[in-house]
Amino acid sequence: MIRHLFALTCASLILIPEAGQAWRSFNRQEVLPVSEGVFEVVNDVASSAADFWCSAGDYAYREMRTEAVQRVYIWRGIGPSVNRPGKKAVQFSLTPPEGVSTQPGYTLSVKAEGDNMRAGSAQQYCFGNGPEDPGIWHP
C-alpha cells in the first residue's frame, strides 16, 4: 500500500509543472508569460540592456519559433516584475504597444516602450556580437 501511494505521489509530481516555472534563455535569465502575447525577462544581478535583449530575442526565436526578421518590441520598460516580486523586469511582445513610437532608437536601452529590433539581432547579444560590437559587421 505504501509503495502504491509513493508511486502515485511521484507520478502526480511529474505531471504537475512547478508553479511559475520559467523558460531560461541562453544567458540563463528567466523569461515568463505576462499576458496574451506579452512576456517578461526578469533581471538577474547586474543585467545590462544587452542581457535583456539577448533573452527576449532568444525566447522569440527559439521558444516562440519566430523568424529571425520578426520584430520584438518593448511592451513596458524596466520596472517591477509581475512574476517575481522584488525583482525588476522588462516586458516584450511581438506586436507594438498602441500609441507609441516604434522608431528604433540609436542607443541600446530597455526604457522606451515601442523600442524594437529583429529577433535575430536581439539574440546576437547572447553571443557577444550584437549590432553595437565594432568588431562585427552587420548588414
Protein backbone atom coordinates (compact mmCIF):
# COMPACT_ATOMS: atom_id res chain seq x y z
CA MET A 1 0.00 0.00 0.00
CA ILE A 2 2.75 2.45 0.94
CA ARG A 3 4.59 1.60 -2.29
CA HIS A 4 1.40 2.30 -4.26
CA LEU A 5 0.89 5.70 -2.58
CA PHE A 6 4.52 6.61 -3.16
CA ALA A 7 4.22 5.74 -6.86
CA LEU A 8 1.04 7.83 -7.19
CA THR A 9 2.65 10.79 -5.44
CA CYS A 10 5.73 10.63 -7.70
CA ALA A 11 3.57 10.35 -10.81
CA SER A 12 1.48 13.35 -9.82
CA LEU A 13 4.59 15.44 -9.17
CA ILE A 14 5.90 14.63 -12.62
CA LEU A 15 2.62 15.63 -14.29
CA ILE A 16 2.19 18.93 -12.43
CA PRO A 17 4.68 21.60 -13.58
CA GLU A 18 6.25 23.82 -10.96
CA ALA A 19 4.15 26.94 -10.37
CA GLY A 20 5.78 29.94 -12.02
CA GLN A 21 8.29 27.80 -13.87
CA ALA A 22 10.34 29.95 -16.20
CA TRP A 23 11.93 29.36 -19.57
CA ARG A 24 15.67 30.06 -19.40
CA SER A 25 17.38 31.96 -22.19
CA PHE A 26 20.90 31.38 -23.49
CA ASN A 27 22.27 33.76 -20.84
CA ARG A 28 20.22 31.94 -18.14
CA GLN A 29 17.76 34.77 -17.45
CA GLU A 30 14.17 33.84 -16.64
CA VAL A 31 11.52 34.53 -19.26
CA LEU A 32 7.90 34.28 -18.10
CA PRO A 33 4.50 34.99 -19.66
CA VAL A 34 2.65 38.13 -18.52
CA SER A 35 -0.48 38.13 -20.67
CA GLU A 36 -1.55 37.06 -24.15
CA GLY A 37 1.40 37.85 -26.40
CA VAL A 38 3.45 39.61 -23.69
CA PHE A 39 6.39 38.08 -21.84
CA GLU A 40 8.89 39.45 -19.36
CA VAL A 41 12.59 38.97 -18.90
CA VAL A 42 13.44 39.06 -15.20
CA ASN A 43 16.53 40.94 -14.06
CA ASP A 44 19.49 38.92 -12.95
CA VAL A 45 22.17 40.55 -10.82
CA ALA A 46 23.72 43.38 -12.85
CA SER A 47 21.75 42.70 -16.04
CA SER A 48 22.51 45.12 -18.85
CA ALA A 49 20.28 46.22 -21.70
CA ALA A 50 22.16 43.72 -23.91
CA ASP A 51 21.24 40.91 -21.47
CA PHE A 52 17.53 41.77 -21.65
CA TRP A 53 17.57 41.96 -25.45
CA CYS A 54 19.53 38.70 -25.66
CA SER A 55 16.87 36.92 -23.60
CA ALA A 56 13.95 38.48 -25.50
CA GLY A 57 15.41 37.63 -28.89
CA ASP A 58 16.39 34.13 -27.79
CA TYR A 59 12.90 33.47 -26.43
CA ALA A 60 11.19 34.83 -29.54
CA TYR A 61 13.44 32.86 -31.87
CA ARG A 62 13.89 29.52 -30.06
CA GLU A 63 10.77 29.19 -27.91
CA MET A 64 8.15 31.08 -29.93
CA ARG A 65 9.69 29.88 -33.22
CA THR A 66 9.51 33.29 -34.90
CA GLU A 67 11.50 34.20 -37.97
CA ALA A 68 14.81 35.96 -37.33
CA VAL A 69 13.38 39.07 -39.04
CA GLN A 70 10.35 39.25 -36.68
CA ARG A 71 10.48 42.48 -34.69
CA VAL A 72 10.47 42.24 -30.89
CA TYR A 73 9.04 45.31 -29.11
CA ILE A 74 9.44 46.64 -25.61
CA TRP A 75 5.90 46.48 -24.24
CA ARG A 76 6.85 48.02 -20.89
CA GLY A 77 10.27 49.38 -20.00
CA ILE A 78 12.23 48.22 -17.00
CA GLY A 79 10.12 48.15 -13.86
CA PRO A 80 8.76 45.79 -11.21
CA SER A 81 8.35 42.17 -12.28
CA VAL A 82 4.79 40.84 -12.24
CA ASN A 83 6.04 37.26 -11.79
CA ARG A 84 8.93 37.71 -9.37
CA PRO A 85 8.07 40.24 -6.64
CA GLY A 86 11.04 42.33 -5.58
CA LYS A 87 12.82 41.94 -8.92
CA LYS A 88 12.97 44.17 -11.98
CA ALA A 89 11.86 43.06 -15.44
CA VAL A 90 11.30 44.27 -18.99
CA GLN A 91 8.17 43.21 -20.83
CA PHE A 92 8.37 42.37 -24.54
CA SER A 93 5.90 41.47 -27.29
CA LEU A 94 5.91 40.60 -30.97
CA THR A 95 3.39 43.38 -31.53
CA PRO A 96 3.94 47.03 -30.65
CA PRO A 97 2.02 48.68 -27.83
CA GLU A 98 -0.62 51.10 -29.11
CA GLY A 99 0.08 54.80 -29.31
CA VAL A 100 3.88 54.74 -29.01
CA SER A 101 6.63 55.40 -31.50
CA THR A 102 8.16 52.27 -32.99
CA GLN A 103 11.13 54.09 -34.49
CA PRO A 104 14.16 52.17 -33.21
CA GLY A 105 16.46 54.29 -31.08
CA TYR A 106 20.13 54.94 -31.63
CA THR A 107 21.20 53.57 -28.27
CA LEU A 108 20.64 50.20 -26.69
CA SER A 109 18.05 50.70 -24.00
CA VAL A 110 15.26 48.89 -22.16
CA LYS A 111 13.37 52.01 -21.10
CA ALA A 112 11.34 53.18 -24.11
CA GLU A 113 8.07 51.43 -24.90
CA GLY A 114 7.89 50.62 -28.58
CA ASP A 115 11.66 50.38 -28.99
CA ASN A 116 12.35 47.30 -31.07
CA MET A 117 14.73 45.20 -33.08
CA ARG A 118 14.64 41.98 -35.07
CA ALA A 119 14.61 38.76 -33.05
CA GLY A 120 17.81 37.60 -34.74
CA SER A 121 19.59 40.86 -33.98
CA ALA A 122 18.46 40.76 -30.36
CA GLN A 123 19.60 37.16 -30.00
CA GLN A 124 23.07 38.14 -31.23
CA TYR A 125 23.62 39.93 -27.90
CA CYS A 126 23.77 36.43 -26.35
CA PHE A 127 26.99 35.75 -28.19
CA GLY A 128 28.85 38.96 -27.51
CA ASN A 129 28.50 40.22 -31.06
CA GLY A 130 25.42 42.36 -31.04
CA PRO A 131 24.94 45.18 -33.54
CA GLU A 132 26.85 47.60 -31.30
CA ASP A 133 30.03 45.46 -31.33
CA PRO A 134 32.52 47.36 -33.52
CA GLY A 135 34.42 44.14 -34.32
CA ILE A 136 31.49 42.53 -36.14
CA TRP A 137 29.93 43.76 -39.35
CA HIS A 138 26.12 43.57 -39.51
CA PRO A 139 24.34 44.35 -42.78
